[in-house]
Protein backbone atom coordinates (compact mmCIF):
# COMPACT_ATOMS: atom_id res chain seq x y z
CA UNK A 1 0.00 0.00 0.00
CA UNK A 2 2.85 2.39 0.76
CA UNK A 3 4.45 1.70 -2.63
CA UNK A 4 1.11 2.29 -4.33
CA UNK A 5 0.82 5.59 -2.48
CA UNK A 6 4.37 6.47 -3.58
CA UNK A 7 3.46 5.66 -7.17
CA UNK A 8 0.45 7.97 -6.93
CA UNK A 9 2.65 10.79 -5.60
CA UNK A 10 5.17 10.28 -8.43
CA UNK A 11 2.36 10.43 -10.97
CA UNK A 12 1.11 13.67 -9.43
CA UNK A 13 4.59 15.22 -9.66
CA UNK A 14 5.02 14.35 -13.33
CA UNK A 15 4.25 16.97 -16.01
CA UNK A 16 1.57 16.58 -18.64
CA UNK A 17 2.74 14.40 -21.49
CA UNK A 18 2.40 17.02 -24.25
CA UNK A 19 3.13 20.51 -22.83
CA UNK A 20 2.11 23.38 -25.09
CA UNK A 21 5.02 25.59 -26.21
CA UNK A 22 4.64 28.01 -29.16
CA UNK A 23 6.81 26.89 -32.07
CA UNK A 24 7.45 23.45 -30.57
CA UNK A 25 5.82 20.05 -30.24
CA UNK A 26 6.81 18.07 -27.14
CA UNK A 27 6.20 14.57 -25.83
CA UNK A 28 7.36 13.43 -22.39
CA UNK A 29 7.10 9.88 -21.10
CA UNK A 30 8.29 7.72 -18.22
CA UNK A 31 7.41 4.17 -17.21
CA UNK A 32 8.71 2.56 -14.02
CA UNK A 33 10.04 -0.98 -13.90
CA UNK A 34 8.66 -1.29 -10.35
CA UNK A 35 5.93 0.38 -8.31
CA UNK A 36 8.07 3.51 -7.97
CA UNK A 37 10.79 4.67 -10.32
CA UNK A 38 14.23 6.24 -10.26
CA UNK A 39 13.88 8.08 -13.57
CA UNK A 40 12.78 11.70 -13.83
CA UNK A 41 11.13 13.66 -16.61
CA UNK A 42 9.89 17.18 -15.95
CA UNK A 43 8.76 20.39 -17.66
CA UNK A 44 9.00 23.93 -16.26
CA UNK A 45 7.41 27.00 -17.82
CA UNK A 46 9.92 29.53 -16.49
CA UNK A 47 9.03 32.70 -18.40
CA UNK A 48 7.61 33.81 -21.78
CA UNK A 49 11.01 33.12 -23.37
CA UNK A 50 12.24 30.12 -21.31
CA UNK A 51 10.88 26.62 -20.85
CA UNK A 52 12.89 23.86 -19.19
CA UNK A 53 12.89 20.10 -19.71
CA UNK A 54 14.67 17.66 -17.39
CA UNK A 55 15.43 13.99 -17.97
CA UNK A 56 17.35 12.18 -15.26
CA UNK A 57 18.22 8.73 -13.98
CA UNK A 58 19.13 7.96 -10.36
CA UNK A 59 21.45 4.98 -9.95
CA UNK A 60 19.45 2.01 -8.73
CA UNK A 61 15.73 1.41 -8.54
CA UNK A 62 12.97 1.25 -5.98
CA UNK A 63 12.02 3.49 -3.10
CA UNK A 64 15.49 4.90 -2.39
CA UNK A 65 15.91 6.05 -5.99
CA UNK A 66 12.34 7.39 -6.09
CA UNK A 67 12.89 9.59 -3.03
CA UNK A 68 16.09 11.04 -4.49
CA UNK A 69 14.30 11.61 -7.80
CA UNK A 70 11.70 13.75 -6.05
CA UNK A 71 14.44 15.75 -4.33
CA UNK A 72 16.31 16.28 -7.61
CA UNK A 73 13.14 17.46 -9.33
CA UNK A 74 12.42 19.94 -6.53
CA UNK A 75 16.01 21.22 -6.56
CA UNK A 76 16.01 21.86 -10.30
CA UNK A 77 12.64 23.59 -10.13
CA UNK A 78 13.93 25.83 -7.34
CA UNK A 79 17.28 26.74 -8.92
CA UNK A 80 16.68 26.90 -12.68
CA UNK A 81 14.54 30.06 -12.86
CA UNK A 82 17.20 32.12 -11.07
CA UNK A 83 20.27 30.75 -12.90
CA UNK A 84 20.65 31.89 -16.52
CA UNK A 85 23.97 29.98 -16.72
CA UNK A 86 23.39 26.25 -17.17
CA UNK A 87 27.04 25.58 -16.29
CA UNK A 88 26.42 27.18 -12.90
CA UNK A 89 23.18 25.23 -12.56
CA UNK A 90 25.07 21.98 -13.12
CA UNK A 91 27.65 22.88 -10.49
CA UNK A 92 25.04 23.85 -7.90
CA UNK A 93 23.02 20.68 -8.53
CA UNK A 94 26.16 18.60 -8.16
CA UNK A 95 27.17 20.34 -4.92
CA UNK A 96 23.72 19.75 -3.40
CA UNK A 97 23.60 16.14 -4.58
CA UNK A 98 27.07 15.44 -3.15
CA UNK A 99 26.14 17.14 0.12
CA UNK A 100 22.73 15.56 0.68
CA UNK A 101 22.73 12.21 -1.09
CA UNK A 102 23.71 8.77 0.18
CA UNK A 103 27.20 7.31 -0.38
CA UNK A 104 27.79 5.61 -3.74
CA UNK A 105 24.62 7.09 -5.24
CA UNK A 106 24.80 9.24 -8.35
CA UNK A 107 22.44 10.67 -10.95
CA UNK A 108 22.77 11.31 -14.66
CA UNK A 109 20.81 14.34 -15.86
CA UNK A 110 20.12 16.32 -19.00
CA UNK A 111 18.55 19.72 -18.37
CA UNK A 112 17.68 21.84 -21.38
CA UNK A 113 15.96 25.13 -22.06
CA UNK A 114 14.14 25.99 -25.27
CA UNK A 115 12.85 29.34 -26.46
CA UNK A 116 9.24 29.53 -27.65
CA UNK A 117 9.01 30.45 -31.35
CA UNK A 118 12.74 29.93 -31.76
CA UNK A 119 14.92 26.94 -32.64
CA UNK A 120 17.51 27.73 -29.97
CA UNK A 121 18.19 25.16 -27.26
CA UNK A 122 20.69 25.34 -24.42
CA UNK A 123 21.50 22.23 -22.43
CA UNK A 124 23.78 20.85 -19.75
CA UNK A 125 24.58 17.14 -19.58
CA UNK A 126 25.74 15.53 -16.34
CA UNK A 127 26.85 12.01 -17.19
CA UNK A 128 23.81 11.15 -19.28
CA UNK A 129 23.51 9.57 -22.72
CA UNK A 130 24.06 12.39 -25.25
CA UNK A 131 20.73 13.51 -26.76
CA UNK A 132 20.33 12.84 -30.48
CA UNK A 133 19.46 15.48 -33.08
CA UNK A 134 17.45 14.24 -36.07
CA UNK A 135 17.67 16.47 -39.15
CA UNK A 136 15.57 14.82 -41.86
CA UNK A 137 17.26 11.44 -42.25
CA UNK A 138 20.56 12.53 -40.66
CA UNK A 139 21.48 11.88 -37.03
CA UNK A 140 23.82 14.01 -34.93
CA UNK A 141 24.91 13.39 -31.36
CA UNK A 142 25.21 16.29 -28.99
CA UNK A 143 28.50 16.62 -27.14
CA UNK A 144 29.36 14.28 -24.31
CA UNK A 145 28.68 15.98 -21.00
CA UNK A 146 30.46 16.17 -17.67
CA UNK A 147 30.39 13.51 -14.96
CA UNK A 148 27.22 12.40 -13.23
CA UNK A 149 25.94 14.30 -10.20
CA UNK A 150 27.27 13.06 -6.89
CA UNK A 151 30.61 11.64 -8.02
CA UNK A 152 32.89 14.58 -7.24
CA UNK A 153 32.48 18.09 -5.86
CA UNK A 154 35.18 19.17 -8.33
CA UNK A 155 33.09 18.26 -11.39
CA UNK A 156 32.79 20.92 -14.11
CA UNK A 157 29.83 21.28 -16.46
CA UNK A 158 29.68 23.02 -19.82
CA UNK A 159 26.61 24.62 -21.37
CA UNK A 160 25.92 23.42 -24.91
CA UNK A 161 24.02 25.41 -27.53
CA UNK A 162 22.25 23.87 -30.50
CA UNK A 163 19.90 25.25 -33.13
CA UNK A 164 17.05 23.28 -34.69
CA UNK A 165 15.43 24.15 -37.98
CA UNK A 166 11.80 23.48 -38.89
CA UNK A 167 10.96 19.75 -38.48
CA UNK A 168 14.27 18.97 -36.76
CA UNK A 169 13.89 17.12 -33.48
CA UNK A 170 15.84 16.39 -30.32
CA UNK A 171 15.57 12.92 -28.78
CA UNK A 172 16.51 12.52 -25.10
CA UNK A 173 16.27 9.12 -23.43
CA UNK A 174 17.35 6.99 -20.50
CA UNK A 175 19.38 3.80 -20.77
CA UNK A 176 16.24 1.84 -19.94
CA UNK A 177 15.41 2.18 -23.65
CA UNK A 178 18.59 0.66 -25.04
CA UNK A 179 19.07 -1.82 -22.18
CA UNK A 180 15.56 -3.26 -22.29
CA UNK A 181 15.84 -7.07 -22.48
CA UNK A 182 13.74 -9.79 -24.01
CA UNK A 183 13.04 -13.26 -22.62
CA UNK A 184 16.37 -14.54 -23.98
CA UNK A 185 18.27 -11.76 -22.17
CA UNK A 186 19.23 -9.87 -25.35
CA UNK A 187 19.33 -6.07 -25.24
CA UNK A 188 17.15 -3.86 -27.44
CA UNK A 189 20.33 -1.90 -28.16
CA UNK A 190 21.20 1.54 -29.42
CA UNK A 191 21.27 0.57 -33.09
CA UNK A 192 17.56 -0.17 -33.19
CA UNK A 193 16.89 3.33 -31.87
CA UNK A 194 19.23 4.88 -34.44
CA UNK A 195 17.57 2.91 -37.23
CA UNK A 196 14.05 3.90 -36.16
CA UNK A 197 14.49 7.64 -35.66
CA UNK A 198 15.15 8.62 -39.31
CA UNK A 199 12.18 6.51 -40.43
CA UNK A 200 9.89 8.37 -38.02
CA UNK A 201 11.28 11.89 -38.46
CA UNK A 202 8.21 13.22 -40.30
CA UNK A 203 5.82 12.20 -37.52
CA UNK A 204 4.81 14.12 -34.41
CA UNK A 205 6.80 13.54 -31.20
CA UNK A 206 3.86 11.65 -29.72
CA UNK A 207 3.64 9.37 -32.76
CA UNK A 208 7.41 8.82 -32.69
CA UNK A 209 7.36 7.98 -29.00
CA UNK A 210 4.39 5.64 -29.23
CA UNK A 211 5.89 3.82 -32.22
CA UNK A 212 9.19 3.39 -30.37
CA UNK A 213 7.37 2.09 -27.29
CA UNK A 214 5.44 -0.38 -29.44
CA UNK A 215 8.72 -1.68 -30.89
CA UNK A 216 10.18 -1.92 -27.38
CA UNK A 217 7.18 -3.82 -26.02
CA UNK A 218 7.18 -6.17 -28.99
CA UNK A 219 10.88 -6.88 -28.37
CA UNK A 220 10.50 -7.33 -24.60
CA UNK A 221 7.58 -9.71 -24.94
CA UNK A 222 6.76 -11.38 -21.62
CA UNK A 223 10.12 -10.62 -20.00
CA UNK A 224 9.96 -8.64 -16.77
CA UNK A 225 11.02 -5.00 -16.88
CA UNK A 226 14.65 -4.48 -15.87
CA UNK A 227 14.79 -0.69 -15.80
CA UNK A 228 12.68 2.44 -16.02
CA UNK A 229 12.06 3.80 -19.51
CA UNK A 230 12.04 7.57 -19.98
CA UNK A 231 11.88 9.63 -23.18
CA UNK A 232 11.60 13.34 -24.08
CA UNK A 233 11.13 14.41 -27.71
CA UNK A 234 11.15 18.03 -28.86
CA UNK A 235 10.32 18.95 -32.46
CA UNK A 236 10.70 22.40 -34.00
CA UNK A 237 7.56 23.48 -35.82
C-alpha atoms as a PDB file:
ATOM      1  CA  UNK A   1       0.000   0.000   0.000  1.00  0.00           C
ATOM      2  CA  UNK A   2       2.853   2.388   0.764  1.00  0.00           C
ATOM      3  CA  UNK A   3       4.450   1.697  -2.625  1.00  0.00           C
ATOM      4  CA  UNK A   4       1.110   2.287  -4.334  1.00  0.00           C
ATOM      5  CA  UNK A   5       0.821   5.590  -2.480  1.00  0.00           C
ATOM      6  CA  UNK A   6       4.369   6.467  -3.578  1.00  0.00           C
ATOM      7  CA  UNK A   7       3.463   5.660  -7.171  1.00  0.00           C
ATOM      8  CA  UNK A   8       0.449   7.973  -6.931  1.00  0.00           C
ATOM      9  CA  UNK A   9       2.650  10.787  -5.604  1.00  0.00           C
ATOM     10  CA  UNK A  10       5.172  10.284  -8.433  1.00  0.00           C
ATOM     11  CA  UNK A  11       2.360  10.434 -10.973  1.00  0.00           C
ATOM     12  CA  UNK A  12       1.109  13.670  -9.435  1.00  0.00           C
ATOM     13  CA  UNK A  13       4.586  15.218  -9.665  1.00  0.00           C
ATOM     14  CA  UNK A  14       5.016  14.346 -13.330  1.00  0.00           C
ATOM     15  CA  UNK A  15       4.251  16.968 -16.005  1.00  0.00           C
ATOM     16  CA  UNK A  16       1.574  16.579 -18.640  1.00  0.00           C
ATOM     17  CA  UNK A  17       2.740  14.397 -21.494  1.00  0.00           C
ATOM     18  CA  UNK A  18       2.404  17.020 -24.250  1.00  0.00           C
ATOM     19  CA  UNK A  19       3.131  20.507 -22.826  1.00  0.00           C
ATOM     20  CA  UNK A  20       2.110  23.383 -25.092  1.00  0.00           C
ATOM     21  CA  UNK A  21       5.019  25.586 -26.206  1.00  0.00           C
ATOM     22  CA  UNK A  22       4.642  28.012 -29.158  1.00  0.00           C
ATOM     23  CA  UNK A  23       6.814  26.890 -32.068  1.00  0.00           C
ATOM     24  CA  UNK A  24       7.449  23.449 -30.573  1.00  0.00           C
ATOM     25  CA  UNK A  25       5.823  20.050 -30.243  1.00  0.00           C
ATOM     26  CA  UNK A  26       6.814  18.066 -27.137  1.00  0.00           C
ATOM     27  CA  UNK A  27       6.197  14.572 -25.827  1.00  0.00           C
ATOM     28  CA  UNK A  28       7.361  13.429 -22.388  1.00  0.00           C
ATOM     29  CA  UNK A  29       7.101   9.878 -21.098  1.00  0.00           C
ATOM     30  CA  UNK A  30       8.288   7.720 -18.225  1.00  0.00           C
ATOM     31  CA  UNK A  31       7.406   4.168 -17.213  1.00  0.00           C
ATOM     32  CA  UNK A  32       8.710   2.561 -14.023  1.00  0.00           C
ATOM     33  CA  UNK A  33      10.036  -0.983 -13.903  1.00  0.00           C
ATOM     34  CA  UNK A  34       8.662  -1.294 -10.350  1.00  0.00           C
ATOM     35  CA  UNK A  35       5.927   0.377  -8.314  1.00  0.00           C
ATOM     36  CA  UNK A  36       8.071   3.507  -7.968  1.00  0.00           C
ATOM     37  CA  UNK A  37      10.791   4.669 -10.324  1.00  0.00           C
ATOM     38  CA  UNK A  38      14.226   6.235 -10.260  1.00  0.00           C
ATOM     39  CA  UNK A  39      13.878   8.081 -13.572  1.00  0.00           C
ATOM     40  CA  UNK A  40      12.784  11.696 -13.830  1.00  0.00           C
ATOM     41  CA  UNK A  41      11.126  13.663 -16.610  1.00  0.00           C
ATOM     42  CA  UNK A  42       9.891  17.183 -15.949  1.00  0.00           C
ATOM     43  CA  UNK A  43       8.765  20.386 -17.658  1.00  0.00           C
ATOM     44  CA  UNK A  44       8.997  23.928 -16.262  1.00  0.00           C
ATOM     45  CA  UNK A  45       7.412  26.996 -17.817  1.00  0.00           C
ATOM     46  CA  UNK A  46       9.916  29.535 -16.489  1.00  0.00           C
ATOM     47  CA  UNK A  47       9.032  32.703 -18.404  1.00  0.00           C
ATOM     48  CA  UNK A  48       7.615  33.807 -21.781  1.00  0.00           C
ATOM     49  CA  UNK A  49      11.013  33.123 -23.371  1.00  0.00           C
ATOM     50  CA  UNK A  50      12.243  30.118 -21.311  1.00  0.00           C
ATOM     51  CA  UNK A  51      10.882  26.617 -20.853  1.00  0.00           C
ATOM     52  CA  UNK A  52      12.889  23.865 -19.192  1.00  0.00           C
ATOM     53  CA  UNK A  53      12.894  20.099 -19.709  1.00  0.00           C
ATOM     54  CA  UNK A  54      14.668  17.663 -17.387  1.00  0.00           C
ATOM     55  CA  UNK A  55      15.426  13.993 -17.967  1.00  0.00           C
ATOM     56  CA  UNK A  56      17.350  12.180 -15.259  1.00  0.00           C
ATOM     57  CA  UNK A  57      18.223   8.731 -13.976  1.00  0.00           C
ATOM     58  CA  UNK A  58      19.130   7.961 -10.360  1.00  0.00           C
ATOM     59  CA  UNK A  59      21.448   4.978  -9.952  1.00  0.00           C
ATOM     60  CA  UNK A  60      19.453   2.008  -8.729  1.00  0.00           C
ATOM     61  CA  UNK A  61      15.733   1.413  -8.535  1.00  0.00           C
ATOM     62  CA  UNK A  62      12.971   1.246  -5.979  1.00  0.00           C
ATOM     63  CA  UNK A  63      12.017   3.493  -3.096  1.00  0.00           C
ATOM     64  CA  UNK A  64      15.488   4.903  -2.389  1.00  0.00           C
ATOM     65  CA  UNK A  65      15.908   6.054  -5.990  1.00  0.00           C
ATOM     66  CA  UNK A  66      12.340   7.388  -6.087  1.00  0.00           C
ATOM     67  CA  UNK A  67      12.893   9.590  -3.029  1.00  0.00           C
ATOM     68  CA  UNK A  68      16.094  11.036  -4.495  1.00  0.00           C
ATOM     69  CA  UNK A  69      14.303  11.606  -7.804  1.00  0.00           C
ATOM     70  CA  UNK A  70      11.701  13.748  -6.049  1.00  0.00           C
ATOM     71  CA  UNK A  71      14.445  15.747  -4.326  1.00  0.00           C
ATOM     72  CA  UNK A  72      16.310  16.275  -7.611  1.00  0.00           C
ATOM     73  CA  UNK A  73      13.137  17.461  -9.329  1.00  0.00           C
ATOM     74  CA  UNK A  74      12.415  19.941  -6.533  1.00  0.00           C
ATOM     75  CA  UNK A  75      16.008  21.216  -6.556  1.00  0.00           C
ATOM     76  CA  UNK A  76      16.007  21.855 -10.302  1.00  0.00           C
ATOM     77  CA  UNK A  77      12.639  23.594 -10.127  1.00  0.00           C
ATOM     78  CA  UNK A  78      13.932  25.834  -7.336  1.00  0.00           C
ATOM     79  CA  UNK A  79      17.278  26.739  -8.916  1.00  0.00           C
ATOM     80  CA  UNK A  80      16.678  26.900 -12.679  1.00  0.00           C
ATOM     81  CA  UNK A  81      14.536  30.062 -12.860  1.00  0.00           C
ATOM     82  CA  UNK A  82      17.202  32.125 -11.071  1.00  0.00           C
ATOM     83  CA  UNK A  83      20.267  30.754 -12.901  1.00  0.00           C
ATOM     84  CA  UNK A  84      20.646  31.891 -16.522  1.00  0.00           C
ATOM     85  CA  UNK A  85      23.967  29.978 -16.716  1.00  0.00           C
ATOM     86  CA  UNK A  86      23.394  26.253 -17.166  1.00  0.00           C
ATOM     87  CA  UNK A  87      27.042  25.582 -16.289  1.00  0.00           C
ATOM     88  CA  UNK A  88      26.423  27.177 -12.896  1.00  0.00           C
ATOM     89  CA  UNK A  89      23.179  25.232 -12.559  1.00  0.00           C
ATOM     90  CA  UNK A  90      25.066  21.977 -13.119  1.00  0.00           C
ATOM     91  CA  UNK A  91      27.647  22.883 -10.491  1.00  0.00           C
ATOM     92  CA  UNK A  92      25.037  23.850  -7.898  1.00  0.00           C
ATOM     93  CA  UNK A  93      23.022  20.680  -8.532  1.00  0.00           C
ATOM     94  CA  UNK A  94      26.160  18.602  -8.159  1.00  0.00           C
ATOM     95  CA  UNK A  95      27.168  20.337  -4.924  1.00  0.00           C
ATOM     96  CA  UNK A  96      23.725  19.753  -3.399  1.00  0.00           C
ATOM     97  CA  UNK A  97      23.603  16.138  -4.578  1.00  0.00           C
ATOM     98  CA  UNK A  98      27.073  15.444  -3.149  1.00  0.00           C
ATOM     99  CA  UNK A  99      26.139  17.137   0.122  1.00  0.00           C
ATOM    100  CA  UNK A 100      22.733  15.562   0.677  1.00  0.00           C
ATOM    101  CA  UNK A 101      22.732  12.209  -1.086  1.00  0.00           C
ATOM    102  CA  UNK A 102      23.708   8.773   0.183  1.00  0.00           C
ATOM    103  CA  UNK A 103      27.203   7.306  -0.384  1.00  0.00           C
ATOM    104  CA  UNK A 104      27.787   5.612  -3.740  1.00  0.00           C
ATOM    105  CA  UNK A 105      24.615   7.092  -5.238  1.00  0.00           C
ATOM    106  CA  UNK A 106      24.804   9.243  -8.353  1.00  0.00           C
ATOM    107  CA  UNK A 107      22.439  10.675 -10.945  1.00  0.00           C
ATOM    108  CA  UNK A 108      22.772  11.314 -14.663  1.00  0.00           C
ATOM    109  CA  UNK A 109      20.810  14.341 -15.862  1.00  0.00           C
ATOM    110  CA  UNK A 110      20.116  16.325 -19.004  1.00  0.00           C
ATOM    111  CA  UNK A 111      18.549  19.724 -18.367  1.00  0.00           C
ATOM    112  CA  UNK A 112      17.683  21.844 -21.384  1.00  0.00           C
ATOM    113  CA  UNK A 113      15.960  25.129 -22.059  1.00  0.00           C
ATOM    114  CA  UNK A 114      14.138  25.989 -25.272  1.00  0.00           C
ATOM    115  CA  UNK A 115      12.846  29.339 -26.459  1.00  0.00           C
ATOM    116  CA  UNK A 116       9.237  29.530 -27.648  1.00  0.00           C
ATOM    117  CA  UNK A 117       9.009  30.453 -31.349  1.00  0.00           C
ATOM    118  CA  UNK A 118      12.745  29.926 -31.763  1.00  0.00           C
ATOM    119  CA  UNK A 119      14.918  26.945 -32.636  1.00  0.00           C
ATOM    120  CA  UNK A 120      17.506  27.730 -29.970  1.00  0.00           C
ATOM    121  CA  UNK A 121      18.188  25.157 -27.261  1.00  0.00           C
ATOM    122  CA  UNK A 122      20.690  25.337 -24.419  1.00  0.00           C
ATOM    123  CA  UNK A 123      21.503  22.233 -22.428  1.00  0.00           C
ATOM    124  CA  UNK A 124      23.784  20.852 -19.751  1.00  0.00           C
ATOM    125  CA  UNK A 125      24.577  17.138 -19.584  1.00  0.00           C
ATOM    126  CA  UNK A 126      25.745  15.532 -16.344  1.00  0.00           C
ATOM    127  CA  UNK A 127      26.854  12.011 -17.194  1.00  0.00           C
ATOM    128  CA  UNK A 128      23.815  11.147 -19.281  1.00  0.00           C
ATOM    129  CA  UNK A 129      23.514   9.568 -22.719  1.00  0.00           C
ATOM    130  CA  UNK A 130      24.056  12.388 -25.254  1.00  0.00           C
ATOM    131  CA  UNK A 131      20.729  13.514 -26.759  1.00  0.00           C
ATOM    132  CA  UNK A 132      20.332  12.840 -30.480  1.00  0.00           C
ATOM    133  CA  UNK A 133      19.464  15.477 -33.084  1.00  0.00           C
ATOM    134  CA  UNK A 134      17.452  14.245 -36.069  1.00  0.00           C
ATOM    135  CA  UNK A 135      17.673  16.474 -39.151  1.00  0.00           C
ATOM    136  CA  UNK A 136      15.570  14.825 -41.861  1.00  0.00           C
ATOM    137  CA  UNK A 137      17.263  11.437 -42.248  1.00  0.00           C
ATOM    138  CA  UNK A 138      20.557  12.526 -40.661  1.00  0.00           C
ATOM    139  CA  UNK A 139      21.481  11.884 -37.034  1.00  0.00           C
ATOM    140  CA  UNK A 140      23.821  14.011 -34.931  1.00  0.00           C
ATOM    141  CA  UNK A 141      24.906  13.393 -31.359  1.00  0.00           C
ATOM    142  CA  UNK A 142      25.212  16.290 -28.991  1.00  0.00           C
ATOM    143  CA  UNK A 143      28.501  16.617 -27.142  1.00  0.00           C
ATOM    144  CA  UNK A 144      29.358  14.280 -24.306  1.00  0.00           C
ATOM    145  CA  UNK A 145      28.677  15.984 -20.996  1.00  0.00           C
ATOM    146  CA  UNK A 146      30.462  16.172 -17.670  1.00  0.00           C
ATOM    147  CA  UNK A 147      30.394  13.514 -14.965  1.00  0.00           C
ATOM    148  CA  UNK A 148      27.218  12.404 -13.229  1.00  0.00           C
ATOM    149  CA  UNK A 149      25.935  14.297 -10.201  1.00  0.00           C
ATOM    150  CA  UNK A 150      27.267  13.058  -6.889  1.00  0.00           C
ATOM    151  CA  UNK A 151      30.608  11.645  -8.016  1.00  0.00           C
ATOM    152  CA  UNK A 152      32.890  14.577  -7.242  1.00  0.00           C
ATOM    153  CA  UNK A 153      32.482  18.085  -5.856  1.00  0.00           C
ATOM    154  CA  UNK A 154      35.183  19.173  -8.333  1.00  0.00           C
ATOM    155  CA  UNK A 155      33.089  18.261 -11.387  1.00  0.00           C
ATOM    156  CA  UNK A 156      32.792  20.925 -14.111  1.00  0.00           C
ATOM    157  CA  UNK A 157      29.827  21.279 -16.462  1.00  0.00           C
ATOM    158  CA  UNK A 158      29.676  23.024 -19.824  1.00  0.00           C
ATOM    159  CA  UNK A 159      26.606  24.618 -21.366  1.00  0.00           C
ATOM    160  CA  UNK A 160      25.920  23.424 -24.908  1.00  0.00           C
ATOM    161  CA  UNK A 161      24.024  25.409 -27.527  1.00  0.00           C
ATOM    162  CA  UNK A 162      22.246  23.870 -30.501  1.00  0.00           C
ATOM    163  CA  UNK A 163      19.901  25.248 -33.126  1.00  0.00           C
ATOM    164  CA  UNK A 164      17.052  23.284 -34.688  1.00  0.00           C
ATOM    165  CA  UNK A 165      15.425  24.153 -37.983  1.00  0.00           C
ATOM    166  CA  UNK A 166      11.803  23.476 -38.893  1.00  0.00           C
ATOM    167  CA  UNK A 167      10.960  19.751 -38.479  1.00  0.00           C
ATOM    168  CA  UNK A 168      14.273  18.968 -36.759  1.00  0.00           C
ATOM    169  CA  UNK A 169      13.895  17.122 -33.477  1.00  0.00           C
ATOM    170  CA  UNK A 170      15.839  16.392 -30.317  1.00  0.00           C
ATOM    171  CA  UNK A 171      15.568  12.916 -28.780  1.00  0.00           C
ATOM    172  CA  UNK A 172      16.509  12.519 -25.104  1.00  0.00           C
ATOM    173  CA  UNK A 173      16.273   9.119 -23.434  1.00  0.00           C
ATOM    174  CA  UNK A 174      17.349   6.989 -20.503  1.00  0.00           C
ATOM    175  CA  UNK A 175      19.383   3.801 -20.773  1.00  0.00           C
ATOM    176  CA  UNK A 176      16.244   1.839 -19.940  1.00  0.00           C
ATOM    177  CA  UNK A 177      15.406   2.184 -23.646  1.00  0.00           C
ATOM    178  CA  UNK A 178      18.587   0.660 -25.044  1.00  0.00           C
ATOM    179  CA  UNK A 179      19.072  -1.816 -22.178  1.00  0.00           C
ATOM    180  CA  UNK A 180      15.560  -3.262 -22.294  1.00  0.00           C
ATOM    181  CA  UNK A 181      15.842  -7.065 -22.481  1.00  0.00           C
ATOM    182  CA  UNK A 182      13.744  -9.792 -24.007  1.00  0.00           C
ATOM    183  CA  UNK A 183      13.043 -13.264 -22.620  1.00  0.00           C
ATOM    184  CA  UNK A 184      16.374 -14.537 -23.980  1.00  0.00           C
ATOM    185  CA  UNK A 185      18.274 -11.763 -22.168  1.00  0.00           C
ATOM    186  CA  UNK A 186      19.232  -9.874 -25.353  1.00  0.00           C
ATOM    187  CA  UNK A 187      19.325  -6.071 -25.237  1.00  0.00           C
ATOM    188  CA  UNK A 188      17.154  -3.863 -27.442  1.00  0.00           C
ATOM    189  CA  UNK A 189      20.330  -1.896 -28.161  1.00  0.00           C
ATOM    190  CA  UNK A 190      21.196   1.544 -29.420  1.00  0.00           C
ATOM    191  CA  UNK A 191      21.272   0.573 -33.087  1.00  0.00           C
ATOM    192  CA  UNK A 192      17.557  -0.172 -33.194  1.00  0.00           C
ATOM    193  CA  UNK A 193      16.889   3.327 -31.866  1.00  0.00           C
ATOM    194  CA  UNK A 194      19.232   4.876 -34.437  1.00  0.00           C
ATOM    195  CA  UNK A 195      17.566   2.910 -37.234  1.00  0.00           C
ATOM    196  CA  UNK A 196      14.048   3.898 -36.162  1.00  0.00           C
ATOM    197  CA  UNK A 197      14.490   7.640 -35.662  1.00  0.00           C
ATOM    198  CA  UNK A 198      15.150   8.624 -39.313  1.00  0.00           C
ATOM    199  CA  UNK A 199      12.176   6.513 -40.428  1.00  0.00           C
ATOM    200  CA  UNK A 200       9.888   8.371 -38.021  1.00  0.00           C
ATOM    201  CA  UNK A 201      11.279  11.894 -38.461  1.00  0.00           C
ATOM    202  CA  UNK A 202       8.211  13.217 -40.304  1.00  0.00           C
ATOM    203  CA  UNK A 203       5.817  12.201 -37.519  1.00  0.00           C
ATOM    204  CA  UNK A 204       4.813  14.115 -34.409  1.00  0.00           C
ATOM    205  CA  UNK A 205       6.805  13.542 -31.198  1.00  0.00           C
ATOM    206  CA  UNK A 206       3.863  11.647 -29.719  1.00  0.00           C
ATOM    207  CA  UNK A 207       3.639   9.365 -32.759  1.00  0.00           C
ATOM    208  CA  UNK A 208       7.406   8.816 -32.685  1.00  0.00           C
ATOM    209  CA  UNK A 209       7.359   7.981 -29.001  1.00  0.00           C
ATOM    210  CA  UNK A 210       4.389   5.638 -29.229  1.00  0.00           C
ATOM    211  CA  UNK A 211       5.893   3.822 -32.220  1.00  0.00           C
ATOM    212  CA  UNK A 212       9.191   3.393 -30.367  1.00  0.00           C
ATOM    213  CA  UNK A 213       7.374   2.089 -27.290  1.00  0.00           C
ATOM    214  CA  UNK A 214       5.441  -0.377 -29.444  1.00  0.00           C
ATOM    215  CA  UNK A 215       8.722  -1.678 -30.889  1.00  0.00           C
ATOM    216  CA  UNK A 216      10.183  -1.922 -27.384  1.00  0.00           C
ATOM    217  CA  UNK A 217       7.185  -3.817 -26.021  1.00  0.00           C
ATOM    218  CA  UNK A 218       7.184  -6.174 -28.995  1.00  0.00           C
ATOM    219  CA  UNK A 219      10.875  -6.879 -28.375  1.00  0.00           C
ATOM    220  CA  UNK A 220      10.503  -7.328 -24.596  1.00  0.00           C
ATOM    221  CA  UNK A 221       7.576  -9.708 -24.936  1.00  0.00           C
ATOM    222  CA  UNK A 222       6.758 -11.378 -21.624  1.00  0.00           C
ATOM    223  CA  UNK A 223      10.116 -10.619 -19.995  1.00  0.00           C
ATOM    224  CA  UNK A 224       9.958  -8.641 -16.770  1.00  0.00           C
ATOM    225  CA  UNK A 225      11.018  -5.001 -16.882  1.00  0.00           C
ATOM    226  CA  UNK A 226      14.651  -4.481 -15.874  1.00  0.00           C
ATOM    227  CA  UNK A 227      14.787  -0.694 -15.798  1.00  0.00           C
ATOM    228  CA  UNK A 228      12.680   2.443 -16.016  1.00  0.00           C
ATOM    229  CA  UNK A 229      12.056   3.799 -19.515  1.00  0.00           C
ATOM    230  CA  UNK A 230      12.038   7.570 -19.978  1.00  0.00           C
ATOM    231  CA  UNK A 231      11.876   9.630 -23.183  1.00  0.00           C
ATOM    232  CA  UNK A 232      11.605  13.339 -24.085  1.00  0.00           C
ATOM    233  CA  UNK A 233      11.134  14.409 -27.712  1.00  0.00           C
ATOM    234  CA  UNK A 234      11.152  18.029 -28.865  1.00  0.00           C
ATOM    235  CA  UNK A 235      10.320  18.950 -32.458  1.00  0.00           C
ATOM    236  CA  UNK A 236      10.703  22.402 -33.998  1.00  0.00           C
ATOM    237  CA  UNK A 237       7.558  23.482 -35.822  1.00  0.00           C
END
